N, C-alpha and C. Protein backbone atom coordinates (compact mmCIF):
# COMPACT_ATOMS: atom_id res chain seq x y z
N MET A 1 61.41 135.99 266.88
CA MET A 1 60.96 135.67 265.54
C MET A 1 59.50 135.22 265.58
N SER A 2 58.83 135.47 264.50
CA SER A 2 57.47 134.94 264.37
C SER A 2 57.56 133.45 264.05
N ASN A 3 56.46 132.76 264.14
CA ASN A 3 56.44 131.32 263.81
C ASN A 3 56.85 131.10 262.36
N LEU A 4 56.40 131.98 261.46
CA LEU A 4 56.76 131.86 260.06
C LEU A 4 58.27 132.06 259.86
N GLU A 5 58.83 133.08 260.50
CA GLU A 5 60.27 133.32 260.38
C GLU A 5 61.08 132.15 260.93
N ARG A 6 60.67 131.64 262.07
CA ARG A 6 61.37 130.51 262.67
C ARG A 6 61.30 129.28 261.76
N SER A 7 60.12 129.01 261.23
CA SER A 7 59.95 127.85 260.34
C SER A 7 60.81 127.99 259.09
N TYR A 8 60.84 129.19 258.53
CA TYR A 8 61.64 129.41 257.33
C TYR A 8 63.13 129.29 257.65
N PHE A 9 63.54 129.78 258.82
CA PHE A 9 64.93 129.62 259.23
C PHE A 9 65.30 128.14 259.31
N TYR A 10 64.44 127.34 259.94
CA TYR A 10 64.71 125.90 260.03
C TYR A 10 64.78 125.26 258.65
N TYR A 11 63.89 125.67 257.77
CA TYR A 11 63.91 125.16 256.40
C TYR A 11 65.25 125.47 255.74
N LEU A 12 65.70 126.71 255.85
CA LEU A 12 66.98 127.11 255.24
C LEU A 12 68.16 126.42 255.92
N GLU A 13 68.07 126.27 257.22
CA GLU A 13 69.16 125.64 257.97
C GLU A 13 69.43 124.21 257.47
N TRP A 14 68.39 123.51 257.07
CA TRP A 14 68.54 122.13 256.61
C TRP A 14 68.67 121.98 255.10
N ALA A 15 68.50 123.06 254.36
CA ALA A 15 68.61 123.00 252.90
C ALA A 15 70.08 122.82 252.52
N THR A 16 70.35 121.87 251.65
CA THR A 16 71.74 121.56 251.29
C THR A 16 72.36 122.60 250.37
N ASN A 17 71.55 123.38 249.67
CA ASN A 17 72.09 124.37 248.74
C ASN A 17 72.26 125.76 249.36
N VAL A 18 71.91 125.93 250.63
CA VAL A 18 72.06 127.22 251.31
C VAL A 18 73.43 127.25 251.98
N ILE A 19 74.19 128.31 251.68
CA ILE A 19 75.55 128.43 252.20
C ILE A 19 75.60 129.29 253.46
N ASP A 20 74.83 130.37 253.48
CA ASP A 20 74.92 131.32 254.57
C ASP A 20 73.55 131.92 254.86
N ILE A 21 73.19 132.01 256.12
CA ILE A 21 71.92 132.62 256.53
C ILE A 21 72.25 133.78 257.45
N ARG A 22 72.06 134.98 256.94
CA ARG A 22 72.28 136.17 257.76
C ARG A 22 71.19 137.18 257.46
N GLU A 23 70.87 137.97 258.45
CA GLU A 23 69.87 139.01 258.24
C GLU A 23 70.47 140.18 257.47
N GLN A 24 71.74 140.45 257.71
CA GLN A 24 72.40 141.57 257.04
C GLN A 24 73.76 141.11 256.52
N PHE A 25 74.13 141.62 255.35
CA PHE A 25 75.43 141.33 254.77
C PHE A 25 76.21 142.64 254.68
N PRO A 26 77.43 142.66 255.17
CA PRO A 26 78.22 143.89 255.06
C PRO A 26 78.61 144.17 253.62
N LEU A 27 78.52 145.43 253.23
CA LEU A 27 78.96 145.84 251.90
C LEU A 27 80.44 146.22 251.97
N GLU A 28 81.11 146.16 250.84
CA GLU A 28 82.52 146.54 250.80
C GLU A 28 82.66 148.02 251.11
N ARG A 29 83.42 148.34 252.14
CA ARG A 29 83.55 149.72 252.59
C ARG A 29 84.09 150.62 251.49
N GLN A 30 85.07 150.16 250.76
CA GLN A 30 85.66 150.98 249.70
C GLN A 30 84.62 151.32 248.62
N GLU A 31 83.77 150.37 248.30
CA GLU A 31 82.73 150.62 247.30
C GLU A 31 81.71 151.64 247.79
N THR A 32 81.29 151.54 249.05
CA THR A 32 80.32 152.51 249.56
C THR A 32 80.95 153.89 249.69
N LEU A 33 82.24 153.95 249.99
CA LEU A 33 82.94 155.24 250.03
C LEU A 33 82.97 155.88 248.64
N GLU A 34 83.25 155.07 247.62
CA GLU A 34 83.28 155.58 246.25
C GLU A 34 81.90 156.07 245.80
N ILE A 35 80.87 155.31 246.14
CA ILE A 35 79.51 155.71 245.77
C ILE A 35 79.12 157.02 246.46
N SER A 36 79.43 157.13 247.73
CA SER A 36 79.08 158.36 248.44
C SER A 36 79.83 159.56 247.87
N THR A 37 81.06 159.35 247.44
CA THR A 37 81.83 160.43 246.83
C THR A 37 81.22 160.83 245.49
N GLU A 38 80.89 159.83 244.66
CA GLU A 38 80.28 160.11 243.36
C GLU A 38 78.95 160.86 243.49
N LEU A 39 78.17 160.52 244.50
CA LEU A 39 76.86 161.13 244.68
C LEU A 39 76.91 162.38 245.57
N ASN A 40 78.11 162.69 246.04
CA ASN A 40 78.30 163.86 246.91
C ASN A 40 77.42 163.77 248.17
N ILE A 41 77.41 162.56 248.75
CA ILE A 41 76.66 162.29 249.98
C ILE A 41 77.68 161.91 251.05
N PRO A 42 77.61 162.52 252.22
CA PRO A 42 78.57 162.15 253.27
C PRO A 42 78.38 160.69 253.70
N HIS A 43 79.48 160.00 253.81
CA HIS A 43 79.46 158.61 254.27
C HIS A 43 79.42 158.62 255.80
N PRO A 44 78.60 157.75 256.42
CA PRO A 44 78.56 157.70 257.88
C PRO A 44 79.95 157.36 258.46
N ILE A 45 80.30 158.05 259.52
CA ILE A 45 81.60 157.87 260.16
C ILE A 45 81.40 157.72 261.66
N ASP A 46 82.14 156.81 262.25
CA ASP A 46 82.12 156.66 263.70
C ASP A 46 82.79 157.89 264.31
N GLU A 47 82.07 158.60 265.14
CA GLU A 47 82.58 159.85 265.69
C GLU A 47 83.78 159.66 266.61
N ASP A 48 83.84 158.53 267.31
CA ASP A 48 84.95 158.29 268.24
C ASP A 48 86.24 157.96 267.52
N THR A 49 86.15 157.07 266.54
CA THR A 49 87.36 156.59 265.86
C THR A 49 87.62 157.27 264.53
N LYS A 50 86.62 158.01 264.03
CA LYS A 50 86.70 158.68 262.72
C LYS A 50 86.85 157.67 261.59
N THR A 51 86.36 156.46 261.81
CA THR A 51 86.42 155.39 260.81
C THR A 51 85.08 155.31 260.08
N PRO A 52 85.11 155.17 258.75
CA PRO A 52 83.85 154.99 258.02
C PRO A 52 83.12 153.73 258.49
N ILE A 53 81.83 153.85 258.66
CA ILE A 53 81.02 152.74 259.15
C ILE A 53 80.71 151.78 258.00
N VAL A 54 80.76 150.49 258.28
CA VAL A 54 80.40 149.48 257.29
C VAL A 54 78.89 149.48 257.14
N LEU A 55 78.41 149.58 255.90
CA LEU A 55 76.98 149.63 255.63
C LEU A 55 76.45 148.25 255.25
N THR A 56 75.16 148.06 255.50
CA THR A 56 74.49 146.82 255.13
C THR A 56 73.22 147.16 254.35
N PRO A 57 72.86 146.33 253.37
CA PRO A 57 71.64 146.60 252.59
C PRO A 57 70.40 146.23 253.38
N ILE A 58 69.30 146.85 253.02
CA ILE A 58 67.99 146.51 253.59
C ILE A 58 67.21 145.80 252.50
N PHE A 59 66.78 144.59 252.79
CA PHE A 59 66.01 143.82 251.82
C PHE A 59 64.57 143.83 252.16
């Protein structure tokens, strides 16, 4: 992490109104499957298990 990122992490870590600090949040798999179907876009699938991959947003 950069000094700014580390400092901001420490700030959030001690803030009483912050519940969760994560870089990525998993999206509901069923919702992303429905969206990909509606848009006719293939949903990413794990080739070994044939399981749809859980997607995360980019902020």
